[in-house]
Amino acid sequence: MAAMNISRTAALWRGPVNAWRALRRRYWLALAFDVAVLLLLFWGVNAWQSRHLLPSDGQLAPPFHLAALDGAVHDLEENRGKTRLVYFFAPWCHVCNLSAHNINALRRARREDELAIYMVALSYADLEEVQAFQRRHDLKVPILLGDRQVIRDYRIRAFPTYYVINPNGTLKSRAVGYSTEFGLRWRT
């Protein structure tokens, strides 16, 4: 009886296995399938990571008024009329450290009159920790010192998290985790 069940199971799998082998023998079809699976996985992980963030459906971005490391005070509205990237990070975050150079590359690639970039430090022990992060990466964008209100307003649960805000002040895009320079350019 058990042998008969095993042979039925093997017969059921024979068709899909043969179809899989035929697919793998056709290079371009196999490549297209693999790319589609990778894109689907990427989209799924991104959707899962972003599930608690503010929706990027035209909602107005929450305002903020934060001090920067250099002593200046920045208001989100000061750059109304420009696209704005608000990048939330923690100095201890390994992914933030890996992606900081992408922020500098984006700053070099896009003019300041078309794109405002803010990096908002959260979850840091002291000011020296944030200053060391800035020095280590030679950041050329304002480093703002975030607070609990900003964490609540932007629903920050992981680092890095960033939002892209349209010139009219509405949320255009959002993401959690590493983003390449190309990904940042595409979103902004």
Protein backbone atom coordinates (compact mmCIF):
# COMPACT_ATOMS: atom_id res chain seq x y z
CA MET A 1 0.00 0.00 0.00
CA ALA A 2 2.78 2.45 0.94
CA ALA A 3 4.68 1.62 -2.26
CA MET A 4 1.59 2.42 -4.30
CA ASN A 5 1.23 5.85 -2.60
CA ILE A 6 4.90 6.63 -3.27
CA SER A 7 4.55 5.70 -6.91
CA ARG A 8 1.41 7.90 -7.27
CA THR A 9 3.25 10.83 -5.65
CA ALA A 10 6.22 10.33 -7.98
CA ALA A 11 3.87 10.27 -10.98
CA LEU A 12 2.24 13.52 -9.84
CA TRP A 13 5.63 15.26 -9.63
CA ARG A 14 6.97 13.90 -12.91
CA GLY A 15 5.05 16.46 -15.03
CA PRO A 16 6.13 19.59 -13.14
CA VAL A 17 9.73 18.34 -12.86
CA ASN A 18 9.91 17.71 -16.59
CA ALA A 19 8.41 21.16 -17.29
CA TRP A 20 11.01 22.73 -14.97
CA ARG A 21 13.84 20.94 -16.75
CA ALA A 22 12.51 22.08 -20.13
CA LEU A 23 12.34 25.67 -18.87
CA ARG A 24 15.94 25.57 -17.58
CA ARG A 25 17.18 24.34 -21.00
CA ARG A 26 15.86 27.53 -22.69
CA TYR A 27 18.31 30.23 -21.56
CA TRP A 28 16.26 33.39 -22.23
CA LEU A 29 13.06 31.93 -20.87
CA ALA A 30 14.88 30.71 -17.75
CA LEU A 31 16.52 34.13 -17.33
CA ALA A 32 13.17 35.92 -17.67
CA PHE A 33 11.63 33.57 -15.11
CA ASP A 34 14.50 34.12 -12.65
CA VAL A 35 14.32 37.91 -13.02
CA ALA A 36 10.54 37.84 -12.51
CA VAL A 37 10.94 35.77 -9.34
CA LEU A 38 13.64 38.11 -8.00
CA LEU A 39 11.52 41.20 -8.72
CA LEU A 40 8.52 39.58 -7.04
CA LEU A 41 10.62 38.74 -3.97
CA PHE A 42 12.07 42.27 -3.87
CA TRP A 43 8.61 43.81 -4.15
CA GLY A 44 7.26 41.49 -1.42
CA VAL A 45 10.07 42.28 1.02
CA ASN A 46 9.76 46.01 0.31
CA ALA A 47 5.97 45.93 0.81
CA TRP A 48 6.35 44.01 4.07
CA GLN A 49 9.03 46.39 5.41
CA SER A 50 6.99 49.47 4.46
CA ARG A 51 3.63 48.24 5.74
CA HIS A 52 3.59 50.54 8.82
CA LEU A 53 4.89 53.69 7.12
CA LEU A 54 2.76 56.62 6.08
CA PRO A 55 1.04 55.94 2.76
CA SER A 56 2.57 57.55 -0.32
CA ASP A 57 -0.81 58.31 -1.84
CA GLY A 58 -0.75 62.07 -1.84
CA GLN A 59 -1.04 62.58 1.91
CA LEU A 60 0.63 65.74 3.20
CA ALA A 61 4.01 65.17 4.82
CA PRO A 62 4.02 65.88 8.57
CA PRO A 63 5.79 69.17 9.27
CA PHE A 64 8.93 69.38 11.38
CA HIS A 65 11.11 72.10 12.83
CA LEU A 66 14.47 70.59 13.84
CA ALA A 67 17.92 71.80 14.84
CA ALA A 68 20.90 70.72 12.76
CA LEU A 69 24.39 69.77 13.87
CA ASP A 70 25.69 73.13 12.63
CA GLY A 71 23.20 75.00 14.85
CA ALA A 72 20.83 76.04 12.06
CA VAL A 73 17.14 75.25 12.42
CA HIS A 74 15.39 73.60 9.47
CA ASP A 75 11.71 73.52 8.72
CA LEU A 76 10.33 71.08 6.16
CA GLU A 77 8.35 73.92 4.57
CA GLU A 78 11.46 76.01 3.88
CA ASN A 79 11.96 74.05 0.67
CA ARG A 80 8.36 73.95 -0.54
CA GLY A 81 8.40 73.95 -4.31
CA LYS A 82 11.28 71.45 -4.43
CA THR A 83 11.32 67.69 -4.16
CA ARG A 84 12.56 66.75 -0.67
CA LEU A 85 14.23 63.58 0.55
CA VAL A 86 13.97 63.02 4.30
CA TYR A 87 16.32 60.19 5.31
CA PHE A 88 15.97 58.89 8.89
CA PHE A 89 19.02 57.07 10.25
CA ALA A 90 20.72 55.92 13.41
CA PRO A 91 24.51 56.34 13.73
CA TRP A 92 24.92 52.77 15.01
CA CYS A 93 22.94 51.25 12.10
CA HIS A 94 25.15 49.17 9.78
CA VAL A 95 22.84 49.59 6.79
CA CYS A 96 22.79 53.37 7.36
CA ASN A 97 26.59 53.34 7.34
CA LEU A 98 26.60 51.36 4.09
CA SER A 99 24.12 53.66 2.36
CA ALA A 100 25.44 57.06 3.54
CA HIS A 101 27.71 57.36 0.50
CA ASN A 102 24.61 57.05 -1.72
CA ILE A 103 23.22 60.22 -0.12
CA ASN A 104 26.44 62.09 -0.95
CA ALA A 105 26.34 60.74 -4.51
CA LEU A 106 22.73 61.88 -4.87
CA ARG A 107 23.68 65.34 -3.56
CA ARG A 108 26.42 65.58 -6.20
CA ALA A 109 24.06 64.37 -8.94
CA ARG A 110 21.09 66.65 -8.21
CA ARG A 111 21.19 70.42 -7.85
CA GLU A 112 20.16 71.95 -4.54
CA ASP A 113 17.54 74.10 -6.28
CA GLU A 114 15.70 70.97 -7.45
CA LEU A 115 16.19 68.55 -4.55
CA ALA A 116 16.49 69.25 -0.83
CA ILE A 117 18.00 66.43 1.22
CA TYR A 118 17.70 66.12 4.98
CA MET A 119 19.26 63.39 7.06
CA VAL A 120 17.49 63.07 10.40
CA ALA A 121 19.45 61.37 13.21
CA LEU A 122 17.39 59.26 15.59
CA SER A 123 18.25 56.71 18.28
CA TYR A 124 21.64 58.13 19.21
CA ALA A 125 23.34 58.19 22.60
CA ASP A 126 24.82 61.68 22.35
CA LEU A 127 25.69 64.45 19.94
CA GLU A 128 29.26 63.15 19.51
CA GLU A 129 27.91 59.90 18.04
CA VAL A 130 26.05 61.84 15.32
CA GLN A 131 29.04 64.11 14.66
CA ALA A 132 31.30 61.05 14.28
CA PHE A 133 28.83 59.60 11.74
CA GLN A 134 28.92 62.86 9.77
CA ARG A 135 32.74 63.01 9.82
CA ARG A 136 33.14 59.33 8.93
CA HIS A 137 31.02 59.76 5.79
CA ASP A 138 31.94 63.39 5.02
CA LEU A 139 28.24 64.16 4.55
CA LYS A 140 27.36 67.22 2.48
CA VAL A 141 23.71 67.50 3.55
CA PRO A 142 22.12 68.93 6.70
CA ILE A 143 22.10 66.48 9.61
CA LEU A 144 19.04 67.21 11.73
CA LEU A 145 18.54 66.01 15.28
CA GLY A 146 15.24 64.19 15.42
CA ASP A 147 12.96 63.71 18.40
CA ARG A 148 10.15 61.43 19.57
CA GLN A 149 7.53 63.54 17.81
CA VAL A 150 9.21 63.00 14.42
CA ILE A 151 9.41 59.26 15.13
CA ARG A 152 5.66 59.19 15.80
CA ASP A 153 4.72 61.50 12.93
CA TYR A 154 6.69 59.51 10.34
CA ARG A 155 6.07 56.09 11.95
CA ILE A 156 9.75 55.19 12.12
CA ARG A 157 10.28 51.60 13.27
CA ALA A 158 13.50 50.66 11.50
CA PHE A 159 16.60 52.27 10.00
CA PRO A 160 17.18 53.62 7.49
CA THR A 161 13.73 54.85 6.53
CA TYR A 162 13.19 57.56 3.99
CA TYR A 163 10.40 59.52 2.41
CA VAL A 164 10.34 61.48 -0.82
CA ILE A 165 8.09 64.53 -0.71
CA ASN A 166 6.72 66.22 -3.84
CA PRO A 167 7.20 69.95 -4.40
CA ASN A 168 3.58 70.46 -3.26
CA GLY A 169 4.31 68.79 0.11
CA THR A 170 2.66 65.40 -0.45
CA LEU A 171 4.31 62.03 0.09
CA LYS A 172 5.51 60.57 -3.19
CA SER A 173 7.52 57.54 -2.09
CA ARG A 174 8.78 55.76 1.02
CA ALA A 175 11.05 52.86 1.82
CA VAL A 176 12.85 51.05 4.60
CA GLY A 177 16.34 49.62 4.28
CA TYR A 178 19.24 49.99 1.92
CA SER A 179 18.73 51.89 -1.29
CA THR A 180 21.24 52.20 -4.06
CA GLU A 181 22.22 55.51 -5.58
CA PHE A 182 20.18 54.52 -8.64
CA GLY A 183 17.18 53.72 -6.44
CA LEU A 184 17.40 57.11 -4.74
CA ARG A 185 17.74 58.93 -8.07
CA TRP A 186 14.77 57.03 -9.51
CA ARG A 187 12.53 57.83 -6.54
CA THR A 188 13.49 61.50 -6.36
